[in-house]
Amino acid sequence: MVYKTLQNLSQNFLSIHWSPEIDSIAASMVVAMDMDRNLPPDGNLEKIPLDFMRSKLVLLFSHELSFSGGPLLLMELAFLLRNVGGRVIWITYKRPAEENEVIHTLDHKMMNRGLQALSAKSQEAIDTALKDDMIILNIAITSKWLDVVLKKHLSQVISKILWWIHEMRGHYFKLDYVKHLPFVAAAMIDSYIAAE
């Protein structure tokens, strides 16, 4: 399922505004995730496509920490980035007051793989967003974080954002959710129909 989604993603990139570095990262993500499953597109395992991300600071933003599709895909990317020597910070917007077994399990899995997790509303998350090399937003509704938390700093971070949108239902594409989409460095939308 994930492999098929990534194949579709690689064939249906929606180019909003591409910066050369983000373009390379987006294309490399798909290839690296294929390689991680021992399914390289061309059978060549000589070079890891995300190797250029070594020592880069990447902020990954997910709306929640769960076993649902979007967070799991983003976590898989986080592990790939860590494997090539990237510094990865994970932030989550929606977190229940009481920790449950799923969150506890995923928190430990990330910690064991060298990922640092921050609260989306923390000053440390804002500081990281200002100094990182790249921000990957996961799903359309993460735009709320841009409006609420990074409002004063939007012009400083918008050009570093790769927005990976998984939703395939129209109600997630309200103007309020996607108003920043034309200004980010790149966007990937898993569904061709949703992209249209």
N, C-alpha and C. Protein backbone atom coordinates (compact mmCIF):
# COMPACT_ATOMS: atom_id res chain seq x y z
N MET A 1 0.83 -1.21 0.00
CA MET A 1 0.00 0.00 0.00
C MET A 1 0.86 1.26 0.00
N VAL A 2 1.82 1.34 0.92
CA VAL A 2 2.69 2.51 1.00
C VAL A 2 3.51 2.63 -0.28
N TYR A 3 4.02 1.49 -0.78
CA TYR A 3 4.82 1.51 -2.00
C TYR A 3 4.00 2.04 -3.17
N LYS A 4 2.75 1.58 -3.29
CA LYS A 4 1.87 2.07 -4.36
C LYS A 4 1.61 3.56 -4.22
N THR A 5 1.38 4.02 -3.00
CA THR A 5 1.16 5.45 -2.77
C THR A 5 2.37 6.24 -3.22
N LEU A 6 3.57 5.75 -2.90
CA LEU A 6 4.78 6.46 -3.29
C LEU A 6 4.99 6.43 -4.80
N GLN A 7 4.61 5.32 -5.45
CA GLN A 7 4.69 5.29 -6.91
C GLN A 7 3.77 6.35 -7.50
N ASN A 8 2.54 6.42 -6.99
CA ASN A 8 1.60 7.44 -7.47
C ASN A 8 2.14 8.83 -7.20
N LEU A 9 2.70 9.01 -6.02
CA LEU A 9 3.25 10.31 -5.63
C LEU A 9 4.34 10.72 -6.61
N SER A 10 5.22 9.79 -6.97
CA SER A 10 6.32 10.14 -7.86
C SER A 10 5.83 10.47 -9.27
N GLN A 11 4.71 9.91 -9.67
CA GLN A 11 4.18 10.16 -11.01
C GLN A 11 3.27 11.37 -11.05
N ASN A 12 2.75 11.79 -9.90
CA ASN A 12 1.75 12.85 -9.89
C ASN A 12 2.15 14.05 -9.05
N PHE A 13 3.44 14.39 -9.04
CA PHE A 13 3.86 15.59 -8.32
C PHE A 13 3.07 16.77 -8.85
N LEU A 14 2.58 17.57 -7.95
CA LEU A 14 1.94 18.83 -8.34
C LEU A 14 2.96 19.92 -8.07
N SER A 15 3.46 20.51 -9.12
CA SER A 15 4.47 21.54 -8.96
C SER A 15 3.79 22.88 -8.77
N ILE A 16 3.96 23.46 -7.61
CA ILE A 16 3.42 24.78 -7.33
C ILE A 16 4.52 25.80 -7.60
N HIS A 17 5.62 25.64 -6.92
CA HIS A 17 6.80 26.50 -7.09
C HIS A 17 7.95 25.65 -6.60
N TRP A 18 8.86 25.33 -7.45
CA TRP A 18 9.95 24.44 -7.09
C TRP A 18 11.24 25.20 -6.88
N SER A 19 11.92 24.92 -5.81
CA SER A 19 13.30 25.37 -5.68
C SER A 19 14.14 24.15 -6.04
N PRO A 20 15.30 24.32 -6.65
CA PRO A 20 16.09 23.16 -7.08
C PRO A 20 16.40 22.17 -5.96
N GLU A 21 16.73 22.66 -4.76
CA GLU A 21 17.07 21.75 -3.67
C GLU A 21 15.85 20.95 -3.22
N ILE A 22 14.71 21.61 -3.08
CA ILE A 22 13.49 20.91 -2.65
C ILE A 22 13.06 19.92 -3.72
N ASP A 23 13.17 20.29 -4.99
CA ASP A 23 12.84 19.40 -6.09
C ASP A 23 13.66 18.12 -5.98
N SER A 24 14.94 18.25 -5.73
CA SER A 24 15.83 17.11 -5.60
C SER A 24 15.45 16.25 -4.40
N ILE A 25 15.09 16.89 -3.31
CA ILE A 25 14.69 16.17 -2.10
C ILE A 25 13.40 15.39 -2.35
N ALA A 26 12.43 16.03 -2.98
CA ALA A 26 11.15 15.37 -3.25
C ALA A 26 11.35 14.14 -4.11
N ALA A 27 12.11 14.26 -5.18
CA ALA A 27 12.36 13.12 -6.05
C ALA A 27 13.16 12.04 -5.33
N SER A 28 14.13 12.45 -4.54
CA SER A 28 14.97 11.49 -3.82
C SER A 28 14.20 10.75 -2.74
N MET A 29 13.20 11.41 -2.14
CA MET A 29 12.38 10.76 -1.11
C MET A 29 11.75 9.50 -1.66
N VAL A 30 11.17 9.59 -2.84
CA VAL A 30 10.48 8.45 -3.43
C VAL A 30 11.47 7.33 -3.71
N VAL A 31 12.60 7.65 -4.30
CA VAL A 31 13.61 6.64 -4.62
C VAL A 31 14.15 6.01 -3.35
N ALA A 32 14.46 6.82 -2.34
CA ALA A 32 15.02 6.30 -1.10
C ALA A 32 14.03 5.40 -0.38
N MET A 33 12.76 5.76 -0.39
CA MET A 33 11.77 4.92 0.28
C MET A 33 11.63 3.59 -0.46
N ASP A 34 11.75 3.62 -1.79
CA ASP A 34 11.75 2.38 -2.56
C ASP A 34 12.97 1.53 -2.18
N MET A 35 14.14 2.16 -2.11
CA MET A 35 15.37 1.44 -1.79
C MET A 35 15.29 0.83 -0.40
N ASP A 36 14.68 1.55 0.52
CA ASP A 36 14.57 1.07 1.89
C ASP A 36 13.77 -0.23 1.94
N ARG A 37 12.91 -0.42 0.98
CA ARG A 37 12.11 -1.65 0.90
C ARG A 37 12.78 -2.68 -0.01
N ASN A 38 14.04 -2.41 -0.40
CA ASN A 38 14.76 -3.27 -1.33
C ASN A 38 14.06 -3.37 -2.67
N LEU A 39 13.41 -2.30 -3.06
CA LEU A 39 12.75 -2.25 -4.35
C LEU A 39 13.25 -1.04 -5.14
N PRO A 40 14.57 -0.95 -5.39
CA PRO A 40 15.06 0.21 -6.12
C PRO A 40 14.49 0.25 -7.53
N PRO A 41 14.09 1.43 -8.00
CA PRO A 41 13.48 1.55 -9.32
C PRO A 41 14.38 1.05 -10.44
N ASP A 42 15.70 1.24 -10.33
CA ASP A 42 16.60 0.82 -11.40
C ASP A 42 17.52 -0.33 -10.99
N GLY A 43 17.32 -0.86 -9.80
CA GLY A 43 18.14 -1.97 -9.33
C GLY A 43 19.52 -1.57 -8.84
N ASN A 44 19.84 -0.28 -8.85
CA ASN A 44 21.17 0.20 -8.48
C ASN A 44 21.17 0.65 -7.01
N LEU A 45 21.92 -0.05 -6.19
CA LEU A 45 22.00 0.29 -4.77
C LEU A 45 23.29 1.01 -4.41
N GLU A 46 24.06 1.45 -5.42
CA GLU A 46 25.37 2.06 -5.16
C GLU A 46 25.28 3.35 -4.36
N LYS A 47 24.37 4.24 -4.70
CA LYS A 47 24.32 5.54 -4.06
C LYS A 47 22.96 5.73 -3.39
N ILE A 48 22.98 6.20 -2.17
CA ILE A 48 21.75 6.50 -1.46
C ILE A 48 21.29 7.88 -1.92
N PRO A 49 20.09 8.01 -2.48
CA PRO A 49 19.66 9.28 -3.06
C PRO A 49 19.52 10.43 -2.06
N LEU A 50 19.36 10.14 -0.80
CA LEU A 50 19.22 11.21 0.19
C LEU A 50 20.54 11.55 0.87
N ASP A 51 21.63 11.05 0.34
CA ASP A 51 22.94 11.28 0.95
C ASP A 51 23.27 12.76 1.11
N PHE A 52 22.76 13.60 0.22
CA PHE A 52 23.04 15.04 0.30
C PHE A 52 22.35 15.69 1.51
N MET A 53 21.49 14.96 2.21
CA MET A 53 20.81 15.48 3.39
C MET A 53 21.64 15.27 4.67
N ARG A 54 22.82 14.66 4.52
CA ARG A 54 23.70 14.45 5.67
C ARG A 54 23.95 15.78 6.37
N SER A 55 23.79 15.81 7.66
CA SER A 55 24.00 16.96 8.55
C SER A 55 23.01 18.11 8.35
N LYS A 56 22.00 17.93 7.50
CA LYS A 56 20.96 18.96 7.35
C LYS A 56 19.98 18.84 8.52
N LEU A 57 19.44 19.98 8.93
CA LEU A 57 18.43 20.01 9.99
C LEU A 57 17.06 20.09 9.32
N VAL A 58 16.23 19.08 9.59
CA VAL A 58 14.91 18.99 8.97
C VAL A 58 13.85 18.94 10.07
N LEU A 59 12.86 19.80 9.93
CA LEU A 59 11.74 19.83 10.86
C LEU A 59 10.56 19.15 10.18
N LEU A 60 10.07 18.07 10.77
CA LEU A 60 8.91 17.35 10.24
C LEU A 60 7.72 17.67 11.11
N PHE A 61 6.63 18.08 10.47
CA PHE A 61 5.45 18.47 11.22
C PHE A 61 4.27 17.59 10.85
N SER A 62 3.72 16.91 11.84
CA SER A 62 2.53 16.09 11.63
C SER A 62 1.42 16.58 12.56
N HIS A 63 0.20 16.45 12.11
CA HIS A 63 -0.93 16.91 12.92
C HIS A 63 -1.12 16.06 14.16
N GLU A 64 -0.65 14.80 14.11
CA GLU A 64 -0.79 13.91 15.26
C GLU A 64 0.26 12.81 15.20
N LEU A 65 0.40 12.13 16.29
CA LEU A 65 1.28 10.97 16.37
C LEU A 65 0.37 9.76 16.50
N SER A 66 0.25 9.00 15.41
CA SER A 66 -0.69 7.88 15.40
C SER A 66 -0.23 6.85 14.37
N PHE A 67 -0.98 5.75 14.31
CA PHE A 67 -0.72 4.71 13.32
C PHE A 67 -1.50 4.95 12.03
N SER A 68 -1.98 6.17 11.81
CA SER A 68 -2.69 6.46 10.56
C SER A 68 -1.69 6.75 9.45
N GLY A 69 -2.17 6.79 8.22
CA GLY A 69 -1.32 6.87 7.03
C GLY A 69 -0.32 8.01 6.99
N GLY A 70 -0.79 9.25 7.14
CA GLY A 70 0.10 10.41 7.04
C GLY A 70 1.24 10.39 8.03
N PRO A 71 0.95 10.23 9.33
CA PRO A 71 2.03 10.19 10.31
C PRO A 71 3.01 9.03 10.09
N LEU A 72 2.51 7.87 9.67
CA LEU A 72 3.42 6.74 9.44
C LEU A 72 4.34 6.99 8.25
N LEU A 73 3.82 7.57 7.17
CA LEU A 73 4.67 7.90 6.03
C LEU A 73 5.73 8.93 6.41
N LEU A 74 5.34 9.91 7.19
CA LEU A 74 6.29 10.93 7.61
C LEU A 74 7.35 10.33 8.54
N MET A 75 6.94 9.41 9.41
CA MET A 75 7.89 8.76 10.31
C MET A 75 8.88 7.91 9.51
N GLU A 76 8.40 7.25 8.48
CA GLU A 76 9.28 6.46 7.63
C GLU A 76 10.33 7.37 6.97
N LEU A 77 9.91 8.52 6.51
CA LEU A 77 10.84 9.49 5.93
C LEU A 77 11.83 9.98 6.99
N ALA A 78 11.34 10.21 8.20
CA ALA A 78 12.21 10.66 9.29
C ALA A 78 13.33 9.65 9.53
N PHE A 79 13.00 8.37 9.55
CA PHE A 79 14.00 7.33 9.78
C PHE A 79 15.01 7.29 8.62
N LEU A 80 14.53 7.47 7.39
CA LEU A 80 15.44 7.51 6.24
C LEU A 80 16.41 8.68 6.36
N LEU A 81 15.90 9.83 6.73
CA LEU A 81 16.76 11.01 6.88
C LEU A 81 17.79 10.80 7.99
N ARG A 82 17.38 10.18 9.08
CA ARG A 82 18.32 9.89 10.17
C ARG A 82 19.39 8.89 9.71
N ASN A 83 18.98 7.90 8.91
CA ASN A 83 19.92 6.88 8.44
C ASN A 83 21.03 7.47 7.57
N VAL A 84 20.77 8.59 6.90
CA VAL A 84 21.81 9.21 6.07
C VAL A 84 22.53 10.32 6.82
N GLY A 85 22.23 10.49 8.10
CA GLY A 85 22.95 11.46 8.92
C GLY A 85 22.28 12.81 9.04
N GLY A 86 21.01 12.90 8.68
CA GLY A 86 20.27 14.14 8.86
C GLY A 86 19.88 14.33 10.32
N ARG A 87 19.76 15.58 10.72
CA ARG A 87 19.24 15.90 12.06
C ARG A 87 17.75 16.13 11.90
N VAL A 88 16.95 15.37 12.61
CA VAL A 88 15.50 15.41 12.41
C VAL A 88 14.79 15.78 13.71
N ILE A 89 13.94 16.78 13.61
CA ILE A 89 13.09 17.21 14.72
C ILE A 89 11.64 16.95 14.30
N TRP A 90 10.88 16.30 15.16
CA TRP A 90 9.48 15.97 14.89
C TRP A 90 8.61 16.84 15.78
N ILE A 91 7.64 17.52 15.18
CA ILE A 91 6.68 18.24 16.01
C ILE A 91 5.27 17.80 15.66
N THR A 92 4.44 17.82 16.67
CA THR A 92 3.05 17.39 16.53
C THR A 92 2.16 18.47 17.12
N TYR A 93 1.11 18.78 16.40
CA TYR A 93 0.19 19.83 16.82
C TYR A 93 -0.85 19.31 17.80
N LYS A 94 -1.46 18.19 17.45
CA LYS A 94 -2.55 17.64 18.26
C LYS A 94 -2.02 16.48 19.09
N ARG A 95 -1.96 16.69 20.37
CA ARG A 95 -1.47 15.65 21.27
C ARG A 95 -2.40 15.59 22.48
N PRO A 96 -2.95 14.41 22.79
CA PRO A 96 -3.88 14.32 23.92
C PRO A 96 -3.19 14.65 25.24
N ALA A 97 -3.98 15.14 26.18
CA ALA A 97 -3.45 15.51 27.50
C ALA A 97 -2.84 14.29 28.20
N GLU A 98 -3.51 13.16 28.05
CA GLU A 98 -3.00 11.93 28.65
C GLU A 98 -2.34 11.09 27.57
N GLU A 99 -1.14 10.62 27.87
CA GLU A 99 -0.43 9.78 26.91
C GLU A 99 -1.08 8.41 26.84
N ASN A 100 -1.29 7.91 25.63
CA ASN A 100 -1.84 6.57 25.48
C ASN A 100 -0.75 5.62 24.99
N GLU A 101 -1.10 4.36 24.84
CA GLU A 101 -0.11 3.34 24.48
C GLU A 101 0.49 3.59 23.09
N VAL A 102 -0.32 4.04 22.15
CA VAL A 102 0.17 4.31 20.79
C VAL A 102 1.22 5.41 20.81
N ILE A 103 0.90 6.51 21.47
CA ILE A 103 1.84 7.63 21.53
C ILE A 103 3.11 7.22 22.27
N HIS A 104 2.95 6.49 23.36
CA HIS A 104 4.11 6.01 24.12
C HIS A 104 5.02 5.15 23.24
N THR A 105 4.43 4.22 22.50
CA THR A 105 5.19 3.33 21.61
C THR A 105 5.91 4.12 20.53
N LEU A 106 5.20 5.02 19.87
CA LEU A 106 5.80 5.78 18.78
C LEU A 106 6.86 6.77 19.28
N ASP A 107 6.61 7.38 20.44
CA ASP A 107 7.61 8.27 21.04
C ASP A 107 8.93 7.53 21.27
N HIS A 108 8.84 6.32 21.84
CA HIS A 108 10.05 5.54 22.12
C HIS A 108 10.72 5.07 20.83
N LYS A 109 9.93 4.71 19.85
CA LYS A 109 10.49 4.30 18.56
C LYS A 109 11.29 5.45 17.96
N MET A 110 10.74 6.66 18.01
CA MET A 110 11.44 7.82 17.46
C MET A 110 12.69 8.14 18.28
N MET A 111 12.56 8.08 19.60
CA MET A 111 13.70 8.37 20.47
C MET A 111 14.84 7.38 20.22
N ASN A 112 14.49 6.10 20.07
CA ASN A 112 15.49 5.07 19.81
C ASN A 112 16.20 5.26 18.47
N ARG A 113 15.53 5.93 17.54
CA ARG A 113 16.12 6.19 16.22
C ARG A 113 16.78 7.56 16.13
N GLY A 114 16.85 8.26 17.26
CA GLY A 114 17.55 9.54 17.28
C GLY A 114 16.74 10.75 16.87
N LEU A 115 15.43 10.63 16.88
CA LEU A 115 14.57 11.77 16.56
C LEU A 115 14.22 12.53 17.82
N GLN A 116 14.25 13.81 17.72
CA GLN A 116 13.85 14.66 18.84
C GLN A 116 12.42 15.10 18.58
N ALA A 117 11.56 15.04 19.59
CA ALA A 117 10.16 15.45 19.45
C ALA A 117 9.91 16.70 20.28
N LEU A 118 9.23 17.66 19.67
CA LEU A 118 8.91 18.92 20.34
C LEU A 118 7.42 19.21 20.23
N SER A 119 6.93 20.00 21.15
CA SER A 119 5.56 20.50 21.06
C SER A 119 5.52 21.57 19.97
N ALA A 120 4.50 21.54 19.15
CA ALA A 120 4.38 22.49 18.04
C ALA A 120 4.29 23.93 18.53
N LYS A 121 3.79 24.12 19.73
CA LYS A 121 3.59 25.47 20.24
C LYS A 121 4.78 25.98 21.06
N SER A 122 5.80 25.17 21.20
CA SER A 122 6.94 25.56 22.04
C SER A 122 7.83 26.58 21.33
N GLN A 123 8.52 27.38 22.12
CA GLN A 123 9.47 28.35 21.56
C GLN A 123 10.60 27.62 20.84
N GLU A 124 10.96 26.44 21.35
CA GLU A 124 12.03 25.66 20.72
C GLU A 124 11.63 25.23 19.30
N ALA A 125 10.35 24.89 19.10
CA ALA A 125 9.87 24.53 17.75
C ALA A 125 9.96 25.73 16.82
N ILE A 126 9.59 26.90 17.31
CA ILE A 126 9.67 28.12 16.50
C ILE A 126 11.12 28.43 16.16
N ASP A 127 12.00 28.36 17.15
CA ASP A 127 13.42 28.61 16.92
C ASP A 127 14.01 27.64 15.90
N THR A 128 13.61 26.37 16.00
CA THR A 128 14.08 25.36 15.05
C THR A 128 13.58 25.66 13.65
N ALA A 129 12.32 26.06 13.53
CA ALA A 129 11.76 26.39 12.22
C ALA A 129 12.52 27.54 11.56
N LEU A 130 13.02 28.46 12.35
CA LEU A 130 13.75 29.60 11.81
C LEU A 130 15.17 29.25 11.37
N LYS A 131 15.77 28.23 11.98
CA LYS A 131 17.17 27.92 11.65
C LYS A 131 17.35 26.64 10.84
N ASP A 132 16.29 25.86 10.64
CA ASP A 132 16.44 24.59 9.93
C ASP A 132 16.72 24.80 8.44
N ASP A 133 17.09 23.70 7.79
CA ASP A 133 17.32 23.73 6.35
C ASP A 133 16.05 23.46 5.57
N MET A 134 15.10 22.77 6.20
CA MET A 134 13.89 22.37 5.50
C MET A 134 12.79 22.04 6.50
N ILE A 135 11.56 22.34 6.11
CA ILE A 135 10.37 21.98 6.90
C ILE A 135 9.50 21.13 5.99
N ILE A 136 9.07 19.98 6.49
CA ILE A 136 8.13 19.15 5.74
C ILE A 136 6.82 19.13 6.51
N LEU A 137 5.80 19.72 5.91
CA LEU A 137 4.46 19.71 6.50
C LEU A 137 3.74 18.49 5.97
N ASN A 138 3.06 17.79 6.84
CA ASN A 138 2.38 16.56 6.49
C ASN A 138 0.87 16.78 6.59
N ILE A 139 0.19 16.77 5.54
CA ILE A 139 -1.25 16.94 5.33
C ILE A 139 -1.66 18.41 5.28
N ALA A 140 -2.80 18.67 4.70
CA ALA A 140 -3.26 20.04 4.43
C ALA A 140 -3.52 20.85 5.70
N ILE A 141 -4.08 20.23 6.72
CA ILE A 141 -4.50 21.01 7.89
C ILE A 141 -3.33 21.51 8.74
N THR A 142 -2.11 21.12 8.41
CA THR A 142 -0.96 21.64 9.15
C THR A 142 -0.75 23.13 8.88
N SER A 143 -1.49 23.68 7.94
CA SER A 143 -1.40 25.12 7.67
C SER A 143 -1.83 25.93 8.89
N LYS A 144 -2.64 25.34 9.75
CA LYS A 144 -3.05 26.03 10.99
C LYS A 144 -1.83 26.42 11.81
N TRP A 145 -0.83 25.56 11.81
CA TRP A 145 0.40 25.85 12.56
C TRP A 145 1.10 27.08 11.98
N LEU A 146 1.11 27.17 10.66
CA LEU A 146 1.73 28.35 10.03
C LEU A 146 1.02 29.62 10.46
N ASP A 147 -0.31 29.58 10.48
CA ASP A 147 -1.10 30.77 10.82
C ASP A 147 -1.00 31.14 12.30
N VAL A 148 -1.06 30.14 13.16
CA VAL A 148 -1.13 30.41 14.59
C VAL A 148 0.26 30.60 15.21
N VAL A 149 1.16 29.68 14.96
CA VAL A 149 2.44 29.67 15.66
C VAL A 149 3.52 30.47 14.92
N LEU A 150 3.57 30.33 13.61
CA LEU A 150 4.64 30.98 12.86
C LEU A 150 4.19 32.26 12.16
N LYS A 151 3.07 32.79 12.54
CA LYS A 151 2.49 33.95 11.86
C LYS A 151 3.50 35.09 11.67
N LYS A 152 4.23 35.43 12.71
CA LYS A 152 5.20 36.53 12.64
C LYS A 152 6.42 36.19 11.79
N HIS A 153 6.68 34.90 11.60
CA HIS A 153 7.89 34.46 10.92
C HIS A 153 7.61 33.80 9.57
N LEU A 154 6.39 33.90 9.09
CA LEU A 154 6.00 33.18 7.88
C LEU A 154 6.92 33.47 6.70
N SER A 155 7.28 34.71 6.50
CA SER A 155 8.13 35.06 5.36
C SER A 155 9.52 34.43 5.45
N GLN A 156 9.97 34.12 6.67
CA GLN A 156 11.28 33.51 6.86
C GLN A 156 11.28 32.00 6.61
N VAL A 157 10.12 31.36 6.73
CA VAL A 157 10.09 29.90 6.63
C VAL A 157 9.39 29.38 5.37
N ILE A 158 8.56 30.17 4.75
CA ILE A 158 7.72 29.67 3.64
C ILE A 158 8.55 29.09 2.50
N SER A 159 9.71 29.66 2.24
CA SER A 159 10.54 29.18 1.12
C SER A 159 11.31 27.90 1.46
N LYS A 160 11.20 27.41 2.70
CA LYS A 160 11.88 26.17 3.11
C LYS A 160 10.89 25.01 3.26
N ILE A 161 9.64 25.23 2.87
CA ILE A 161 8.60 24.24 3.14
C ILE A 161 8.35 23.33 1.94
N LEU A 162 8.38 22.02 2.23
CA LEU A 162 7.89 21.01 1.31
C LEU A 162 6.59 20.51 1.93
N TRP A 163 5.49 20.69 1.22
CA TRP A 163 4.18 20.32 1.77
C TRP A 163 3.73 19.03 1.13
N TRP A 164 3.62 17.99 1.94
CA TRP A 164 3.26 16.65 1.46
C TRP A 164 1.82 16.41 1.88
N ILE A 165 0.92 16.52 0.94
CA ILE A 165 -0.52 16.45 1.23
C ILE A 165 -1.05 15.07 0.83
N HIS A 166 -1.66 14.40 1.80
CA HIS A 166 -2.17 13.04 1.58
C HIS A 166 -3.69 13.00 1.40
N GLU A 167 -4.38 14.02 1.87
CA GLU A 167 -5.85 13.97 1.87
C GLU A 167 -6.39 13.84 0.45
N MET A 168 -7.48 13.12 0.36
CA MET A 168 -8.11 12.93 -0.94
C MET A 168 -9.56 13.38 -0.92
N ARG A 169 -9.97 14.03 0.16
CA ARG A 169 -11.35 14.51 0.25
C ARG A 169 -11.35 16.03 0.16
N GLY A 170 -12.32 16.54 -0.55
CA GLY A 170 -12.39 17.97 -0.84
C GLY A 170 -12.47 18.89 0.35
N HIS A 171 -13.11 18.45 1.45
CA HIS A 171 -13.27 19.37 2.59
C HIS A 171 -11.94 19.74 3.24
N TYR A 172 -10.87 19.01 2.93
CA TYR A 172 -9.55 19.38 3.44
C TYR A 172 -8.89 20.47 2.60
N PHE A 173 -9.49 20.78 1.46
CA PHE A 173 -8.89 21.74 0.55
C PHE A 173 -9.61 23.08 0.57
N LYS A 174 -10.18 23.42 1.71
CA LYS A 174 -10.78 24.74 1.87
C LYS A 174 -9.67 25.77 1.72
N LEU A 175 -10.02 26.94 1.21
CA LEU A 175 -9.03 27.99 0.99
C LEU A 175 -8.25 28.29 2.25
N ASP A 176 -8.92 28.24 3.40
CA ASP A 176 -8.25 28.54 4.66
C ASP A 176 -7.09 27.56 4.94
N TYR A 177 -7.23 26.31 4.50
CA TYR A 177 -6.19 25.31 4.73
C TYR A 177 -5.04 25.41 3.73
N VAL A 178 -5.33 25.79 2.51
CA VAL A 178 -4.30 25.74 1.46
C VAL A 178 -3.89 27.11 0.92
N LYS A 179 -4.21 28.16 1.63
CA LYS A 179 -3.92 29.51 1.13
C LYS A 179 -2.42 29.77 0.97
N HIS A 180 -1.57 29.05 1.72
CA HIS A 180 -0.13 29.24 1.62
C HIS A 180 0.50 28.35 0.55
N LEU A 181 -0.27 27.44 -0.02
CA LEU A 181 0.26 26.46 -0.96
C LEU A 181 1.02 27.08 -2.14
N PRO A 182 0.54 28.17 -2.74
CA PRO A 182 1.28 28.74 -3.88
C PRO A 182 2.64 29.32 -3.50
N PHE A 183 2.92 29.49 -2.23
CA PHE A 183 4.14 30.19 -1.81
C PHE A 183 5.22 29.28 -1.24
N VAL A 184 4.90 28.00 -1.01
CA VAL A 184 5.90 27.09 -0.45
C VAL A 184 6.90 26.69 -1.53
N ALA A 185 8.03 26.13 -1.11
CA ALA A 185 9.07 25.73 -2.06
C ALA A 185 8.58 24.63 -2.99
N ALA A 186 7.82 23.67 -2.44
CA ALA A 186 7.30 22.57 -3.26
C ALA A 186 6.13 21.92 -2.54
N ALA A 187 5.29 21.27 -3.33
CA ALA A 187 4.16 20.53 -2.78
C ALA A 187 4.06 19.20 -3.49
N MET A 188 3.75 18.17 -2.72
CA MET A 188 3.48 16.86 -3.29
C MET A 188 2.09 16.47 -2.82
N ILE A 189 1.26 16.07 -3.76
CA ILE A 189 -0.10 15.66 -3.43
C ILE A 189 -0.27 14.24 -3.94
N ASP A 190 -0.60 13.33 -3.03
CA ASP A 190 -0.67 11.91 -3.36
C ASP A 190 -1.74 11.58 -4.39
N SER A 191 -2.80 12.34 -4.42
CA SER A 191 -3.93 12.05 -5.30
C SER A 191 -3.96 13.02 -6.47
N TYR A 192 -3.93 12.50 -7.69
CA TYR A 192 -3.99 13.34 -8.88
C TYR A 192 -5.31 14.11 -8.92
N ILE A 193 -6.41 13.44 -8.57
CA ILE A 193 -7.73 14.08 -8.59
C ILE A 193 -7.79 15.21 -7.57
N ALA A 194 -7.27 14.95 -6.36
CA ALA A 194 -7.26 16.00 -5.34
C ALA A 194 -6.39 17.18 -5.79
N ALA A 195 -5.29 16.88 -6.47
CA ALA A 195 -4.39 17.94 -6.95
C ALA A 195 -5.08 18.85 -7.95
N GLU A 196 -5.92 18.25 -8.80
CA GLU A 196 -6.64 19.06 -9.79
C GLU A 196 -7.63 19.97 -9.11
